[in-house]
N, C-alpha and C. Protein backbone atom coordinates (compact mmCIF):
# COMPACT_ATOMS: atom_id res chain seq x y z
N UNK A 1 0.98 -1.32 -0.03
CA UNK A 1 0.13 0.01 0.16
C UNK A 1 1.30 1.59 -0.51
N UNK A 2 0.22 2.39 -0.98
CA UNK A 2 0.50 3.39 -0.66
C UNK A 2 1.07 4.28 0.93
N UNK A 3 2.19 4.68 0.95
CA UNK A 3 2.73 5.58 2.51
C UNK A 3 2.53 6.84 1.96
N UNK A 4 2.73 7.75 3.24
CA UNK A 4 2.96 9.14 3.16
C UNK A 4 4.08 9.88 2.44
N UNK A 5 5.01 8.68 2.72
CA UNK A 5 5.98 9.11 2.76
C UNK A 5 6.41 8.99 0.53
N UNK A 6 6.01 8.36 0.22
CA UNK A 6 5.92 8.02 -1.00
C UNK A 6 5.11 9.19 -1.98
N UNK A 7 4.31 9.84 -1.46
CA UNK A 7 4.07 11.46 -2.12
C UNK A 7 4.03 12.25 -1.43
N UNK A 8 3.59 13.23 -2.64
CA UNK A 8 3.62 14.94 -1.83
C UNK A 8 1.88 14.79 -0.90
N UNK A 9 2.70 15.73 -0.40
CA UNK A 9 1.83 16.14 1.23
C UNK A 9 0.14 16.59 0.66
N UNK A 10 0.22 17.07 -0.75
CA UNK A 10 -0.76 17.63 -1.56
C UNK A 10 -2.21 16.14 -1.06
N UNK A 11 -0.93 15.35 -2.15
CA UNK A 11 -1.46 14.39 -3.22
C UNK A 11 -2.05 13.17 -1.58
N UNK A 12 -1.03 13.25 -0.78
CA UNK A 12 -1.58 12.57 0.42
C UNK A 12 -3.39 12.78 0.95
N UNK A 13 -3.21 14.34 1.02
CA UNK A 13 -4.68 15.11 1.35
C UNK A 13 -5.34 14.79 0.43
N UNK A 14 -5.31 14.75 -0.91
CA UNK A 14 -6.17 14.26 -1.58
C UNK A 14 -6.97 12.63 -1.32
N UNK A 15 -5.69 11.83 -1.91
CA UNK A 15 -6.35 10.99 -1.22
C UNK A 15 -7.35 10.55 0.46
N UNK A 16 -6.53 11.26 1.44
CA UNK A 16 -8.06 10.87 2.41
C UNK A 16 -8.66 11.65 2.05
N UNK A 17 -9.31 12.45 1.20
CA UNK A 17 -10.27 13.18 1.05
C UNK A 17 -11.35 12.54 0.28
N UNK A 18 -10.52 11.05 -0.72
CA UNK A 18 -11.41 10.69 -1.90
C UNK A 18 -11.86 9.47 -0.93
N UNK A 19 -10.51 8.96 -0.31
CA UNK A 19 -11.42 7.75 0.83
C UNK A 19 -12.70 8.16 1.94
N UNK A 20 -12.43 8.90 1.94
CA UNK A 20 -13.23 10.00 2.93
C UNK A 20 -15.13 10.42 2.09
N UNK A 21 -15.66 9.99 0.19
CA UNK A 21 -16.04 10.49 -0.03
C UNK A 21 -16.71 9.27 -0.34
N UNK A 22 -15.61 7.69 -0.89
CA UNK A 22 -15.83 6.98 -0.48
C UNK A 22 -17.05 6.10 0.58
N UNK A 23 -16.45 6.55 1.83
CA UNK A 23 -17.75 5.82 3.07
C UNK A 23 -18.46 7.12 3.79
N UNK A 24 -18.33 7.82 2.96
CA UNK A 24 -19.30 8.58 2.91
C UNK A 24 -20.68 8.16 2.07
N UNK A 25 -20.50 7.82 0.79
CA UNK A 25 -21.48 7.14 -0.35
C UNK A 25 -21.62 6.17 -0.12
N UNK A 26 -21.06 5.34 1.00
CA UNK A 26 -21.29 3.60 1.67
C UNK A 26 -22.11 4.31 2.83
N UNK A 27 -21.95 5.42 3.39
CA UNK A 27 -22.47 5.71 4.36
C UNK A 27 -23.95 6.00 4.24
N UNK A 28 -24.60 6.54 3.32
CA UNK A 28 -25.54 7.28 2.80
C UNK A 28 -26.49 6.49 1.63
N UNK A 29 -26.21 5.37 1.48
CA UNK A 29 -26.76 4.52 0.86
C UNK A 29 -26.52 4.91 -0.57
N UNK A 30 -25.34 4.74 -0.37
CA UNK A 30 -25.24 5.51 -2.79
C UNK A 30 -24.22 4.70 -3.27
N UNK A 31 -24.61 3.10 -3.21
CA UNK A 31 -23.11 2.75 -3.54
C UNK A 31 -24.49 1.53 -4.15
N UNK A 32 -23.51 0.57 -4.68
CA UNK A 32 -23.97 -0.26 -5.62
C UNK A 32 -22.28 -1.44 -5.98
N UNK A 33 -22.01 -2.59 -4.41
CA UNK A 33 -21.24 -2.76 -3.93
C UNK A 33 -19.73 -2.33 -4.29
N UNK A 34 -18.89 -3.12 -5.23
CA UNK A 34 -17.79 -2.70 -6.23
C UNK A 34 -18.23 -1.72 -6.78
N UNK A 35 -19.34 -1.29 -7.33
CA UNK A 35 -19.39 -1.40 -9.07
C UNK A 35 -19.42 0.68 -8.36
N UNK A 36 -18.98 1.35 -9.89
CA UNK A 36 -19.41 2.69 -10.18
C UNK A 36 -17.54 3.11 -9.22
N UNK A 37 -17.56 4.68 -8.74
CA UNK A 37 -16.42 4.87 -9.08
C UNK A 37 -16.44 6.49 -8.80
N UNK A 38 -15.63 7.19 -7.70
CA UNK A 38 -14.85 8.54 -7.97
C UNK A 38 -13.81 8.64 -8.00
N UNK A 39 -13.21 9.63 -8.72
CA UNK A 39 -11.97 9.48 -9.11
C UNK A 39 -11.78 11.53 -8.59
N UNK A 40 -10.79 11.47 -8.43
CA UNK A 40 -10.03 13.27 -8.34
C UNK A 40 -8.76 13.29 -8.70
N UNK A 41 -9.08 14.72 -9.47
CA UNK A 41 -7.09 15.17 -10.13
C UNK A 41 -6.21 14.94 -8.87
N UNK A 42 -5.37 14.51 -9.40
CA UNK A 42 -4.08 14.45 -8.80
C UNK A 42 -3.54 16.36 -8.37
N UNK A 43 -3.58 16.87 -6.93
CA UNK A 43 -2.67 18.22 -7.04
C UNK A 43 -1.64 17.83 -7.77
N UNK A 44 -1.29 19.49 -8.72
CA UNK A 44 -0.36 19.88 -9.05
C UNK A 44 -0.05 18.47 -10.35
N UNK A 45 -0.77 17.95 -10.84
CA UNK A 45 -0.26 17.14 -11.81
C UNK A 45 -2.15 17.07 -12.86
N UNK A 46 -2.07 17.44 -13.52
CA UNK A 46 -3.49 17.97 -14.21
C UNK A 46 -3.54 16.51 -15.33
N UNK A 47 -2.58 16.07 -15.59
CA UNK A 47 -3.33 14.71 -16.79
C UNK A 47 -3.36 13.65 -15.22
N UNK A 48 -3.14 13.68 -14.02
CA UNK A 48 -3.35 12.48 -13.69
C UNK A 48 -4.66 12.62 -12.39
N UNK A 49 -4.97 11.31 -12.26
CA UNK A 49 -5.93 11.12 -11.32
C UNK A 49 -6.46 9.97 -10.79
N UNK A 50 -6.28 9.78 -9.10
CA UNK A 50 -7.23 8.80 -8.55
C UNK A 50 -8.21 7.87 -8.86
N UNK A 51 -8.18 6.59 -9.04
CA UNK A 51 -9.37 6.10 -8.85
C UNK A 51 -9.12 5.18 -8.12
N UNK A 52 -10.71 3.82 -7.40
CA UNK A 52 -10.38 2.87 -6.92
C UNK A 52 -9.85 1.70 -7.16
N UNK A 53 -9.28 0.88 -6.38
CA UNK A 53 -8.61 -0.64 -7.49
C UNK A 53 -10.67 -1.06 -7.05
N UNK A 54 -10.41 -1.84 -8.21
CA UNK A 54 -12.09 -2.42 -8.81
C UNK A 54 -12.45 -4.36 -7.70
N UNK A 55 -13.18 -4.53 -6.58
CA UNK A 55 -13.53 -5.52 -6.01
C UNK A 55 -13.32 -4.63 -4.70
N UNK A 56 -12.71 -3.54 -4.46
CA UNK A 56 -13.01 -3.12 -2.96
C UNK A 56 -14.33 -2.52 -2.58
N UNK A 57 -14.91 -2.40 -1.97
CA UNK A 57 -15.93 -2.21 -1.29
C UNK A 57 -16.07 -0.31 -1.14
N UNK A 58 -16.92 0.29 -0.85
CA UNK A 58 -16.76 1.73 -0.87
C UNK A 58 -15.93 1.65 0.83
N UNK A 59 -16.73 1.14 1.40
CA UNK A 59 -16.44 0.71 3.46
C UNK A 59 -15.34 0.58 3.56
N UNK A 60 -14.49 -0.21 2.86
CA UNK A 60 -13.20 -0.18 3.08
C UNK A 60 -12.32 0.58 2.36
N UNK A 61 -12.53 1.19 1.72
CA UNK A 61 -11.66 2.66 0.79
C UNK A 61 -10.82 2.94 2.15
N UNK A 62 -9.47 3.55 1.88
CA UNK A 62 -8.41 4.69 2.82
C UNK A 62 -7.25 4.68 1.66
N UNK A 63 -6.91 6.31 2.60
CA UNK A 63 -6.34 7.06 1.29
C UNK A 63 -4.74 5.88 1.03
N UNK A 64 -4.24 4.58 1.12
CA UNK A 64 -3.30 4.39 0.76
C UNK A 64 -3.80 3.41 -0.31
N UNK A 65 -4.42 3.13 -0.64
CA UNK A 65 -5.35 1.93 -1.98
C UNK A 65 -5.22 2.39 -3.26
N UNK A 66 -5.32 3.97 -3.23
CA UNK A 66 -6.09 4.17 -4.59
C UNK A 66 -5.22 4.05 -5.83
N UNK A 67 -5.43 3.81 -6.56
CA UNK A 67 -4.67 3.81 -8.38
C UNK A 67 -4.62 5.32 -9.18
N UNK A 68 -3.59 5.05 -9.57
CA UNK A 68 -2.82 6.29 -9.45
C UNK A 68 -2.40 6.34 -11.13
N UNK A 69 -3.98 6.66 -12.23
CA UNK A 69 -3.45 7.50 -13.56
C UNK A 69 -2.98 8.15 -14.32
N UNK A 70 -2.29 7.82 -15.98
CA UNK A 70 -2.90 9.06 -16.75
C UNK A 70 -3.91 9.07 -17.48
N UNK A 71 -4.41 10.39 -18.15
CA UNK A 71 -5.46 10.54 -19.27
C UNK A 71 -5.54 9.30 -20.40
N UNK A 72 -4.13 8.88 -20.67
CA UNK A 72 -4.26 7.45 -21.39
C UNK A 72 -4.40 6.28 -20.96
N UNK A 73 -4.71 6.28 -19.41
CA UNK A 73 -5.10 5.10 -19.03
C UNK A 73 -3.64 4.55 -18.52
N UNK A 74 -2.10 4.80 -18.38
CA UNK A 74 -1.61 4.33 -18.00
C UNK A 74 -1.32 4.55 -16.53
N UNK A 75 -0.70 3.06 -15.93
CA UNK A 75 -0.53 3.33 -14.39
C UNK A 75 0.73 4.04 -14.03
N UNK A 76 0.35 4.80 -13.23
CA UNK A 76 1.45 5.98 -12.78
C UNK A 76 2.29 5.54 -11.77
N UNK A 77 1.03 5.08 -10.61
CA UNK A 77 1.10 4.16 -8.69
C UNK A 77 0.36 3.24 -8.70
N UNK A 78 0.40 2.03 -8.42
CA UNK A 78 -0.09 0.78 -8.53
C UNK A 78 0.34 0.17 -6.86
N UNK A 79 -0.70 0.72 -5.53
CA UNK A 79 -0.12 0.22 -4.16
C UNK A 79 -1.14 -1.08 -4.41
N UNK A 80 -1.80 -1.48 -5.30
CA UNK A 80 -2.96 -2.59 -4.88
C UNK A 80 -3.08 -4.07 -6.35
N UNK A 81 -3.32 -5.13 -5.02
CA UNK A 81 -3.19 -6.11 -6.21
C UNK A 81 -3.95 -6.51 -7.07
N UNK A 82 -5.36 -5.49 -6.33
CA UNK A 82 -6.70 -5.53 -6.95
C UNK A 82 -6.27 -4.54 -8.46
N UNK A 83 -7.06 -4.87 -9.45
CA UNK A 83 -6.80 -3.71 -10.93
C UNK A 83 -7.88 -2.30 -11.34
N UNK A 84 -8.09 -2.12 -12.05
CA UNK A 84 -8.87 -1.12 -12.55
C UNK A 84 -9.80 -1.42 -13.13
N UNK A 85 -11.28 -0.71 -13.34
CA UNK A 85 -12.45 -0.95 -13.56
C UNK A 85 -12.16 -0.55 -15.00
N UNK A 86 -12.26 -0.88 -16.35
CA UNK A 86 -12.28 -0.36 -17.46
C UNK A 86 -12.88 0.35 -17.61
N UNK A 87 -14.48 -0.04 -17.01
CA UNK A 87 -15.51 1.29 -17.60
C UNK A 87 -15.14 2.78 -16.35
N UNK A 88 -14.57 2.32 -15.47
CA UNK A 88 -14.32 3.42 -14.73
C UNK A 88 -12.93 4.46 -15.55
N UNK A 89 -12.30 3.36 -15.50
CA UNK A 89 -10.76 4.93 -16.50
C UNK A 89 -11.90 5.41 -18.42
N UNK A 90 -12.43 4.78 -18.53
CA UNK A 90 -13.46 5.26 -20.04
C UNK A 90 -14.08 7.20 -19.38
N UNK A 91 -14.34 6.38 -18.66
CA UNK A 91 -15.90 7.65 -17.58
C UNK A 91 -15.28 8.51 -17.65
N UNK A 92 -14.04 8.34 -16.28
CA UNK A 92 -13.44 8.99 -15.61
C UNK A 92 -12.36 9.96 -16.26
N UNK A 93 -11.64 9.04 -17.25
CA UNK A 93 -10.70 9.64 -18.04
C UNK A 93 -10.98 10.52 -19.07
N UNK A 94 -12.39 10.81 -19.12
CA UNK A 94 -12.46 10.89 -20.88
C UNK A 94 -13.16 12.52 -19.78
N UNK A 95 -13.94 12.21 -18.89
CA UNK A 95 -14.27 13.67 -18.12
C UNK A 95 -13.42 14.38 -17.51
N UNK A 96 -12.27 13.67 -17.69
CA UNK A 96 -10.83 14.63 -16.84
C UNK A 96 -9.88 15.24 -17.61
N UNK A 97 -10.37 14.60 -19.02
CA UNK A 97 -9.95 15.06 -20.02
C UNK A 97 -10.09 16.45 -20.57
N UNK A 98 -11.65 16.21 -20.31
CA UNK A 98 -12.25 17.21 -21.09
C UNK A 98 -12.32 18.37 -20.34
N UNK A 99 -12.75 18.41 -18.75
CA UNK A 99 -13.14 19.21 -17.95
C UNK A 99 -12.44 19.74 -17.13
N UNK A 100 -11.23 20.12 -17.66
CA UNK A 100 -10.05 20.66 -16.70
C UNK A 100 -10.79 21.61 -15.41
N UNK A 101 -11.89 22.14 -15.19
CA UNK A 101 -12.49 22.43 -14.01
C UNK A 101 -13.08 21.90 -13.07
N UNK A 102 -13.09 20.58 -13.71
CA UNK A 102 -13.83 20.04 -12.43
C UNK A 102 -12.58 18.85 -12.02
N UNK A 103 -12.52 18.53 -10.53
CA UNK A 103 -12.21 18.23 -9.76
C UNK A 103 -12.39 16.77 -9.25
N UNK A 104 -13.16 16.27 -9.12
CA UNK A 104 -13.92 15.55 -8.62
C UNK A 104 -15.20 15.41 -9.88
N UNK A 105 -15.16 13.78 -10.19
CA UNK A 105 -16.23 12.61 -10.60
C UNK A 105 -16.61 11.55 -9.88
N UNK A 106 -18.28 11.79 -9.70
CA UNK A 106 -18.68 11.01 -8.96
C UNK A 106 -19.92 9.86 -9.99
N UNK A 107 -19.62 9.08 -10.07
CA UNK A 107 -20.56 7.90 -10.59
C UNK A 107 -21.39 6.79 -9.63
N UNK A 108 -22.66 7.60 -9.73
CA UNK A 108 -24.02 5.91 -9.14
C UNK A 108 -24.59 5.80 -9.85
N UNK A 109 -25.69 4.79 -9.25
CA UNK A 109 -26.29 3.60 -10.05
C UNK A 109 -26.91 3.91 -8.49
N UNK A 110 -28.17 4.87 -8.32
CA UNK A 110 -28.74 5.23 -6.87
C UNK A 110 -29.89 4.82 -7.27
N UNK A 111 -30.83 4.08 -7.36
CA UNK A 111 -32.23 3.17 -7.05
C UNK A 111 -33.27 5.20 -7.82
N UNK A 112 -32.93 5.95 -7.07
CA UNK A 112 -33.99 7.28 -7.64
C UNK A 112 -33.03 7.67 -8.71
N UNK A 113 -31.63 7.23 -8.97
CA UNK A 113 -31.16 7.62 -10.23
C UNK A 113 -31.05 6.84 -11.48
N UNK A 114 -31.26 5.76 -11.05
CA UNK A 114 -31.79 5.17 -12.28
C UNK A 114 -33.18 4.77 -12.76
N UNK A 115 -34.19 5.77 -11.62
CA UNK A 115 -35.51 5.28 -12.53
C UNK A 115 -35.60 7.31 -12.61
N UNK A 116 -34.64 8.13 -12.59
CA UNK A 116 -34.65 9.39 -13.68
C UNK A 116 -34.47 9.15 -14.62
N UNK A 117 -33.51 8.29 -14.92
CA UNK A 117 -32.43 8.37 -16.29
C UNK A 117 -33.54 7.12 -17.38
N UNK A 118 -34.21 6.28 -16.60
CA UNK A 118 -35.24 5.15 -17.30
C UNK A 118 -36.41 6.35 -18.09
N UNK A 119 -36.71 7.69 -17.33
CA UNK A 119 -37.52 8.58 -18.05
C UNK A 119 -37.29 9.14 -18.95
N UNK A 120 -38.18 9.30 -19.76
CA UNK A 120 -37.79 10.07 -20.88
C UNK A 120 -37.75 11.87 -20.49
N UNK A 121 -38.52 12.34 -19.88
CA UNK A 121 -38.60 13.93 -19.62
C UNK A 121 -37.41 13.63 -19.12
N UNK A 122 -36.52 13.17 -18.15
CA UNK A 122 -35.13 12.81 -17.01
C UNK A 122 -35.51 13.80 -15.73
N UNK A 123 -34.78 14.41 -15.32
CA UNK A 123 -34.89 15.49 -13.95
C UNK A 123 -36.02 16.45 -14.20
N UNK A 124 -36.83 16.70 -13.29
CA UNK A 124 -37.79 17.29 -13.65
C UNK A 124 -38.03 18.75 -12.82
N UNK A 125 -37.83 19.86 -12.93
CA UNK A 125 -37.83 21.39 -11.84
C UNK A 125 -38.66 21.68 -11.38
N UNK A 126 -39.01 20.24 -10.71
CA UNK A 126 -40.65 20.47 -9.65
C UNK A 126 -40.46 20.25 -8.57
N UNK A 127 -39.25 20.19 -7.62
CA UNK A 127 -38.81 21.02 -6.30
C UNK A 127 -37.22 21.43 -6.71
N UNK A 128 -38.07 22.31 -5.56
CA UNK A 128 -35.95 23.04 -4.99
C UNK A 128 -35.20 22.65 -5.31
N UNK A 129 -35.09 21.21 -4.89
CA UNK A 129 -33.94 20.20 -4.86
C UNK A 129 -33.29 20.07 -6.25
N UNK A 130 -34.33 19.26 -6.86
CA UNK A 130 -34.14 19.16 -8.46
C UNK A 130 -33.93 20.45 -9.40
N UNK A 131 -33.83 21.40 -9.04
CA UNK A 131 -34.22 22.95 -9.83
C UNK A 131 -32.27 22.97 -9.43
N UNK A 132 -31.50 22.58 -8.42
CA UNK A 132 -30.11 22.63 -8.51
C UNK A 132 -29.18 22.02 -9.79
N UNK A 133 -29.95 21.13 -10.23
CA UNK A 133 -29.64 20.00 -11.54
C UNK A 133 -30.46 20.90 -13.02
N UNK A 134 -30.84 21.82 -12.62
CA UNK A 134 -31.93 22.63 -13.76
C UNK A 134 -31.58 22.36 -15.45
N UNK A 135 -29.70 22.40 -15.33
CA UNK A 135 -29.29 22.77 -16.43
C UNK A 135 -28.04 21.20 -16.20
N UNK A 136 -28.25 19.99 -16.64
CA UNK A 136 -27.49 19.03 -17.12
C UNK A 136 -27.72 18.20 -18.35
N UNK A 137 -26.79 17.75 -18.71
CA UNK A 137 -26.79 17.22 -19.59
C UNK A 137 -26.86 14.56 -19.06
N UNK A 138 -27.63 14.67 -20.40
CA UNK A 138 -28.08 13.11 -20.20
C UNK A 138 -27.10 12.53 -21.24
N UNK A 139 -27.17 11.06 -20.95
CA UNK A 139 -26.34 10.58 -22.16
C UNK A 139 -26.87 9.10 -22.45
N UNK A 140 -26.47 8.65 -23.42
CA UNK A 140 -27.72 7.32 -23.51
C UNK A 140 -26.66 6.03 -23.39
N UNK A 141 -27.45 5.00 -22.71
CA UNK A 141 -26.54 3.90 -22.29
C UNK A 141 -26.12 3.06 -23.97
N UNK A 142 -24.69 3.19 -23.79
CA UNK A 142 -24.33 2.45 -24.91
C UNK A 142 -23.62 0.83 -24.72
N UNK A 143 -24.44 0.59 -23.19
CA UNK A 143 -23.78 -1.01 -23.29
C UNK A 143 -22.63 -0.43 -22.14
N UNK A 144 -21.92 -1.50 -21.39
CA UNK A 144 -20.62 -1.47 -20.34
C UNK A 144 -19.86 -0.59 -21.29
N UNK A 145 -19.20 0.55 -20.67
CA UNK A 145 -18.29 1.93 -21.23
C UNK A 145 -17.19 0.74 -21.28
N UNK A 146 -16.74 0.26 -21.76
CA UNK A 146 -15.09 -0.16 -21.67
C UNK A 146 -14.69 0.17 -23.09
N UNK A 147 -15.64 0.56 -24.17
CA UNK A 147 -14.84 1.22 -25.51
C UNK A 147 -14.32 2.38 -25.07
N UNK A 148 -12.82 2.90 -25.33
CA UNK A 148 -12.67 4.12 -25.16
C UNK A 148 -13.72 5.17 -26.35
N UNK A 149 -14.13 4.31 -27.57
CA UNK A 149 -14.25 5.21 -28.37
C UNK A 149 -15.83 5.55 -27.80
N UNK A 150 -16.20 5.60 -26.97
CA UNK A 150 -17.65 6.26 -26.14
C UNK A 150 -17.33 7.44 -25.57
N UNK A 151 -16.01 7.52 -25.14
CA UNK A 151 -15.15 8.91 -24.67
C UNK A 151 -15.74 10.66 -24.94
N UNK A 152 -16.37 10.27 -26.79
CA UNK A 152 -16.27 11.21 -27.61
C UNK A 152 -17.38 11.72 -27.22
N UNK A 153 -18.67 10.51 -27.38
CA UNK A 153 -20.61 11.28 -27.05
C UNK A 153 -20.32 11.08 -25.69
N UNK A 154 -19.46 10.98 -24.38
CA UNK A 154 -19.77 11.37 -23.12
C UNK A 154 -19.19 12.13 -22.95
N UNK A 155 -18.20 13.06 -23.48
CA UNK A 155 -17.98 14.74 -23.16
C UNK A 155 -18.95 15.24 -24.45
N UNK A 156 -19.31 14.94 -25.92
CA UNK A 156 -20.68 15.72 -25.86
C UNK A 156 -21.80 16.12 -25.47
N UNK A 157 -22.29 14.97 -24.43
CA UNK A 157 -23.29 14.95 -24.43
C UNK A 157 -23.07 15.38 -22.62
N UNK A 158 -22.00 16.00 -22.32
CA UNK A 158 -22.23 17.11 -21.02
C UNK A 158 -22.19 17.89 -20.90
N UNK A 159 -23.42 18.40 -22.03
CA UNK A 159 -23.68 19.79 -22.29
C UNK A 159 -25.46 19.87 -20.90
N UNK A 160 -25.59 21.30 -21.81
CA UNK A 160 -27.03 21.81 -20.67
C UNK A 160 -28.25 20.77 -21.57
N UNK A 161 -29.40 20.95 -21.02
CA UNK A 161 -30.41 20.58 -21.09
C UNK A 161 -31.41 21.17 -20.74
N UNK A 162 -31.88 21.99 -21.78
CA UNK A 162 -33.55 22.96 -21.52
C UNK A 162 -34.63 22.23 -20.94
N UNK A 163 -35.53 22.12 -20.14
CA UNK A 163 -36.39 22.34 -19.47
C UNK A 163 -37.52 23.39 -19.12
N UNK A 164 -38.67 22.36 -19.49
CA UNK A 164 -40.20 24.12 -19.58
C UNK A 164 -40.40 24.50 -17.94
N UNK A 165 -41.24 23.72 -17.11
CA UNK A 165 -41.93 23.81 -16.14
C UNK A 165 -40.63 23.68 -14.49
N UNK A 166 -41.55 24.41 -13.84
CA UNK A 166 -42.27 25.85 -13.76
C UNK A 166 -41.64 26.66 -14.89
N UNK A 167 -41.87 28.15 -14.52
CA UNK A 167 -41.38 29.15 -15.16
C UNK A 167 -39.95 29.34 -15.51
N UNK A 168 -39.22 29.78 -16.05
CA UNK A 168 -37.59 29.76 -16.71
C UNK A 168 -37.01 30.57 -15.47
N UNK A 169 -38.15 31.85 -15.29
CA UNK A 169 -37.32 32.27 -14.38
C UNK A 169 -37.00 32.16 -13.18
N UNK A 170 -38.03 31.08 -12.78
CA UNK A 170 -38.03 30.67 -11.51
C UNK A 170 -37.15 29.66 -11.16
N UNK A 171 -36.88 28.95 -12.41
CA UNK A 171 -35.86 27.40 -12.35
C UNK A 171 -34.43 28.53 -12.74
N UNK A 172 -34.01 29.68 -13.34
CA UNK A 172 -32.94 29.73 -13.64
C UNK A 172 -32.79 30.58 -12.17
N UNK A 173 -33.61 31.05 -11.43
CA UNK A 173 -33.28 31.62 -10.69
C UNK A 173 -32.34 30.59 -9.11
N UNK A 174 -33.73 29.94 -9.04
CA UNK A 174 -33.03 28.57 -8.19
C UNK A 174 -32.02 28.03 -8.34
N UNK A 175 -31.69 27.68 -9.40
CA UNK A 175 -30.71 27.64 -10.19
C UNK A 175 -29.10 28.25 -10.08
N UNK A 176 -29.34 29.45 -10.50
CA UNK A 176 -28.48 30.40 -10.01
C UNK A 176 -27.91 30.77 -8.01
N UNK A 177 -28.82 30.64 -7.35
CA UNK A 177 -28.48 30.59 -6.08
C UNK A 177 -27.92 29.09 -5.65
N UNK A 178 -28.16 28.20 -6.32
CA UNK A 178 -26.89 27.36 -5.28
C UNK A 178 -25.62 27.05 -6.64
N UNK A 179 -25.46 28.12 -7.49
CA UNK A 179 -24.10 28.04 -7.67
C UNK A 179 -23.46 27.78 -7.05
N UNK A 180 -21.87 27.33 -6.83
CA UNK A 180 -20.63 27.68 -5.88
C UNK A 180 -20.02 28.94 -5.89
N UNK A 181 -20.63 29.64 -7.19
CA UNK A 181 -20.13 31.32 -6.94
C UNK A 181 -20.99 31.98 -6.33
N UNK A 182 -22.59 31.77 -6.18
CA UNK A 182 -23.26 32.84 -5.51
C UNK A 182 -23.38 32.88 -4.04
N UNK A 183 -23.14 31.30 -3.26
CA UNK A 183 -23.00 32.08 -2.19
C UNK A 183 -21.52 31.50 -1.34
N UNK A 184 -21.77 30.52 -1.98
CA UNK A 184 -20.66 30.12 -1.57
C UNK A 184 -20.28 28.26 -1.86
N UNK A 185 -18.76 27.62 -2.43
CA UNK A 185 -18.47 26.52 -3.13
C UNK A 185 -19.42 25.08 -2.50
N UNK A 186 -19.86 24.49 -3.12
CA UNK A 186 -20.07 23.31 -3.06
C UNK A 186 -19.61 22.44 -2.18
N UNK A 187 -20.17 21.94 -1.01
CA UNK A 187 -19.34 21.30 0.25
C UNK A 187 -18.59 21.67 1.37
N UNK A 188 -17.97 23.30 0.71
CA UNK A 188 -16.76 23.45 1.99
C UNK A 188 -17.55 23.90 3.32
N UNK A 189 -18.87 23.77 3.11
CA UNK A 189 -18.80 24.67 4.75
C UNK A 189 -19.38 22.96 5.33
N UNK A 190 -20.14 22.16 4.31
CA UNK A 190 -20.26 20.95 5.12
C UNK A 190 -18.89 19.53 5.63
N UNK A 191 -18.19 19.88 5.00
CA UNK A 191 -16.96 18.80 4.79
C UNK A 191 -16.65 18.24 5.72
N UNK A 192 -15.87 19.92 6.93
CA UNK A 192 -15.80 19.26 7.69
C UNK A 192 -16.38 18.92 8.66
N UNK A 193 -17.43 18.96 8.90
CA UNK A 193 -18.56 18.38 9.82
C UNK A 193 -18.79 16.46 9.24
N UNK A 194 -18.97 16.42 8.02
CA UNK A 194 -18.81 15.07 7.65
C UNK A 194 -17.53 13.93 8.26
N UNK A 195 -16.30 14.97 7.85
CA UNK A 195 -14.66 14.02 8.00
C UNK A 195 -15.12 13.64 9.61
N UNK A 196 -15.71 14.92 10.44
CA UNK A 196 -15.84 15.06 11.92
C UNK A 196 -16.85 13.38 11.83
N UNK A 197 -17.94 13.25 11.49
CA UNK A 197 -18.69 12.07 11.64
C UNK A 197 -17.94 10.43 10.77
N UNK A 198 -17.15 11.13 9.65
CA UNK A 198 -16.32 9.60 9.82
C UNK A 198 -15.39 9.28 10.51
N UNK A 199 -14.59 10.50 11.28
CA UNK A 199 -13.69 9.95 12.89
C UNK A 199 -14.24 9.66 13.67
N UNK A 200 -15.41 9.78 13.79
CA UNK A 200 -15.70 9.46 14.77
C UNK A 200 -16.73 8.09 14.77
N UNK A 201 -17.18 7.48 13.43
CA UNK A 201 -17.81 6.29 13.33
C UNK A 201 -16.83 5.23 12.86
N UNK A 202 -15.47 6.09 12.04
CA UNK A 202 -14.12 5.04 12.09
C UNK A 202 -13.32 5.43 10.89
N UNK A 203 -11.65 6.26 11.79
CA UNK A 203 -11.13 7.06 11.62
C UNK A 203 -10.37 6.32 10.63
N UNK A 204 -10.24 5.00 9.83
CA UNK A 204 -9.54 4.39 9.38
C UNK A 204 -9.17 4.12 8.16
N UNK A 205 -10.14 5.07 7.17
CA UNK A 205 -10.25 5.83 5.91
C UNK A 205 -8.89 6.61 5.91
N UNK A 206 -8.22 6.89 7.31
CA UNK A 206 -6.94 8.32 6.85
C UNK A 206 -5.70 6.95 6.71
N UNK A 207 -5.88 5.93 6.95
CA UNK A 207 -4.48 5.01 7.13
C UNK A 207 -4.21 4.92 5.76
């Protein structure tokens, strides 16, 4: 397993936060055993990101277990006997490569998310919380994402979707209020409290 001595302070910090994100996703029931992924860029290395070893459940993730790879799929640091899920690389590598303003990518198969994705209308802005996601992209299912060719359509589909109800001015104002530049960046206020919650339950994610 990786140790603090083998990497920069910034990378280790990213690893701790990533492990915490996995544990919190499990804590709130947003997991599908060992499927799906959360990835983050490596601090100071724009073309490298960290992703989970395939087969390790979310509640067992820890800072030293993550695999470091570049946007072409080359393994840069391999601290475990477990490999990576190719679909994870295809999806996360495509997004990290296209959106350099995005630091962390989360892919889930929650019951609610799968239900919405099966509806032709998509996510309707009929509640305040859903208005936070008034402008999101949709990507049609092309089978298990193991072909690099799908990266082009994934990137294409990161665009916005126009929704009609309720009135546009209400949706857009609600959306604006949720933007990280309007009031505060996403999660900055909540993150220390969530880390404290994890520390109380099981601080081993820091190992």
